[in-house]
Amino acid sequence: VQLQASGGGLVQAGDSLRLSCVAGSRIFSNNGMGWFRQAPGKEREFVAAISWNGQSTRYADSVKGRFAISRDRAKNTVYLQANSLKPEDTAVYYCAAFRGAGAGTSKSDYNAWGQGTQVTVSS
């Protein structure tokens, strides 16, 4: 299983980034997908998830209204549009494949992970 995340970078507070994650077609077609993040010294936390068909999405309270998850089935790609970024959004962002078709929020229910992309937001 391959998951390749990209799109991170160094931005200022209030800026936007779009993260992308390309997945192998076999897993992308039938599984929900999610984004998690891990800041230094902290546990990996849920950010957003989307069901296999894109009809269901879930967000962490900390990003609700600022971030949007989407998927393009033709490109086997899931996106995370991150707007109005804050310094507390600084973390390594990981995409992952859910073990089922839904939009799960628990990292223990994800069984495939990408390598992560660094997002740094300066104040």
Protein backbone atom coordinates (compact mmCIF):
# COMPACT_ATOMS: atom_id res chain seq x y z
CA VAL A 1 0.00 0.00 0.00
CA GLN A 2 1.40 3.36 -0.98
CA LEU A 3 0.33 6.72 0.35
CA GLN A 4 2.33 9.74 -0.74
CA ALA A 5 1.60 13.06 0.97
CA SER A 6 2.80 16.43 -0.26
CA GLY A 7 2.03 20.14 -0.14
CA GLY A 8 3.39 21.15 3.24
CA GLY A 9 5.56 24.19 3.78
CA LEU A 10 6.37 27.27 5.81
CA VAL A 11 3.62 29.88 5.81
CA GLN A 12 2.48 32.83 7.89
CA ALA A 13 -0.55 32.89 10.13
CA GLY A 14 -3.68 33.46 8.06
CA ASP A 15 -2.27 31.83 4.94
CA SER A 16 -3.57 28.72 3.21
CA LEU A 17 -2.10 25.42 2.06
CA ARG A 18 -3.48 22.49 0.14
CA LEU A 19 -2.12 19.10 1.11
CA SER A 20 -2.40 16.20 -1.30
CA CYS A 21 -2.15 12.47 -0.80
CA VAL A 22 -1.94 10.02 -3.67
CA ALA A 23 -2.95 6.48 -2.83
CA GLY A 24 -2.81 3.16 -4.59
CA SER A 25 -6.00 2.58 -6.55
CA ARG A 26 -6.90 -0.63 -4.78
CA ILE A 27 -7.21 0.95 -1.37
CA PHE A 28 -8.40 4.34 -2.52
CA SER A 29 -11.44 3.00 -4.35
CA ASN A 30 -13.08 1.27 -1.40
CA ASN A 31 -11.80 2.96 1.73
CA GLY A 32 -12.40 6.08 3.69
CA MET A 33 -9.39 8.36 3.98
CA GLY A 34 -8.18 10.63 6.74
CA TRP A 35 -5.67 13.26 7.74
CA PHE A 36 -3.92 13.29 11.08
CA ARG A 37 -1.21 15.52 12.49
CA GLN A 38 1.50 15.27 15.06
CA ALA A 39 3.21 18.22 16.71
CA PRO A 40 6.55 17.84 18.53
CA GLY A 41 6.06 16.18 21.90
CA LYS A 42 2.40 15.46 21.26
CA GLU A 43 0.40 12.46 20.20
CA ARG A 44 -0.86 12.07 16.66
CA GLU A 45 -4.34 13.55 16.46
CA PHE A 46 -7.27 13.34 14.10
CA VAL A 47 -7.82 16.25 11.71
CA ALA A 48 -10.33 15.24 9.05
CA ALA A 49 -11.83 12.20 7.35
CA ILE A 50 -13.87 11.44 4.26
CA SER A 51 -15.87 8.38 3.30
CA TRP A 52 -15.09 6.23 0.29
CA ASN A 53 -17.60 8.06 -1.91
CA GLY A 54 -16.96 11.54 -0.52
CA GLN A 55 -20.45 11.93 0.84
CA SER A 56 -19.51 11.94 4.49
CA THR A 57 -16.85 14.10 6.12
CA ARG A 58 -15.77 14.66 9.72
CA TYR A 59 -13.51 17.24 11.29
CA ALA A 60 -11.74 17.89 14.54
CA ASP A 61 -13.27 20.82 16.40
CA SER A 62 -9.97 22.67 16.19
CA VAL A 63 -10.11 22.85 12.38
CA LYS A 64 -13.84 22.93 11.70
CA GLY A 65 -14.72 25.82 9.45
CA ARG A 66 -11.09 26.34 8.37
CA PHE A 67 -10.10 23.01 6.80
CA ALA A 68 -11.85 21.03 4.10
CA ILE A 69 -11.20 17.46 3.03
CA SER A 70 -12.06 16.21 -0.44
CA ARG A 71 -11.15 13.40 -2.79
CA ASP A 72 -10.74 12.95 -6.51
CA ARG A 73 -11.44 9.35 -7.46
CA ALA A 74 -10.09 9.80 -10.96
CA LYS A 75 -6.71 10.80 -9.52
CA ASN A 76 -6.72 8.51 -6.46
CA THR A 77 -6.00 11.62 -4.44
CA VAL A 78 -7.34 13.05 -1.20
CA TYR A 79 -6.86 16.71 -0.40
CA LEU A 80 -6.82 18.81 2.72
CA GLN A 81 -7.46 22.49 2.09
CA ALA A 82 -6.18 24.34 5.14
CA ASN A 83 -7.24 27.98 5.39
CA SER A 84 -6.71 30.65 8.04
CA LEU A 85 -3.74 28.73 9.37
CA LYS A 86 -2.63 29.33 12.94
CA PRO A 87 0.72 28.67 14.64
CA GLU A 88 -0.95 25.86 16.59
CA ASP A 89 -1.58 24.08 13.28
CA THR A 90 2.16 23.48 13.02
CA ALA A 91 2.75 19.73 12.78
CA VAL A 92 3.64 16.88 10.50
CA TYR A 93 0.49 15.97 8.60
CA TYR A 94 -0.18 12.36 7.69
CA CYS A 95 -2.71 10.85 5.35
CA ALA A 96 -4.06 7.42 6.11
CA ALA A 97 -6.46 4.81 4.79
CA PHE A 98 -9.40 3.81 6.97
CA ARG A 99 -10.03 0.10 7.38
CA GLY A 100 -13.60 0.54 6.17
CA ALA A 101 -15.64 2.68 3.83
CA GLY A 102 -16.65 5.36 6.31
CA ALA A 103 -15.05 8.46 7.75
CA GLY A 104 -13.43 7.29 10.95
CA THR A 105 -11.85 9.51 13.59
CA SER A 106 -9.77 7.04 15.57
CA LYS A 107 -6.20 6.48 14.42
CA SER A 108 -6.39 2.88 15.62
CA ASP A 109 -8.92 2.24 12.83
CA TYR A 110 -6.48 3.30 10.13
CA ASN A 111 -4.22 0.58 8.80
CA ALA A 112 -2.09 2.33 6.19
CA TRP A 113 -0.12 5.55 6.60
CA GLY A 114 1.80 7.92 4.39
CA GLN A 115 5.17 9.40 5.27
CA GLY A 116 3.95 12.82 6.40
CA THR A 117 4.44 16.38 5.21
CA GLN A 118 5.60 19.22 7.45
CA VAL A 119 3.41 22.27 7.93
CA THR A 120 4.93 25.20 9.80
CA VAL A 121 2.92 28.31 10.54
CA SER A 122 4.77 31.37 11.78
CA SER A 123 3.08 34.10 13.79
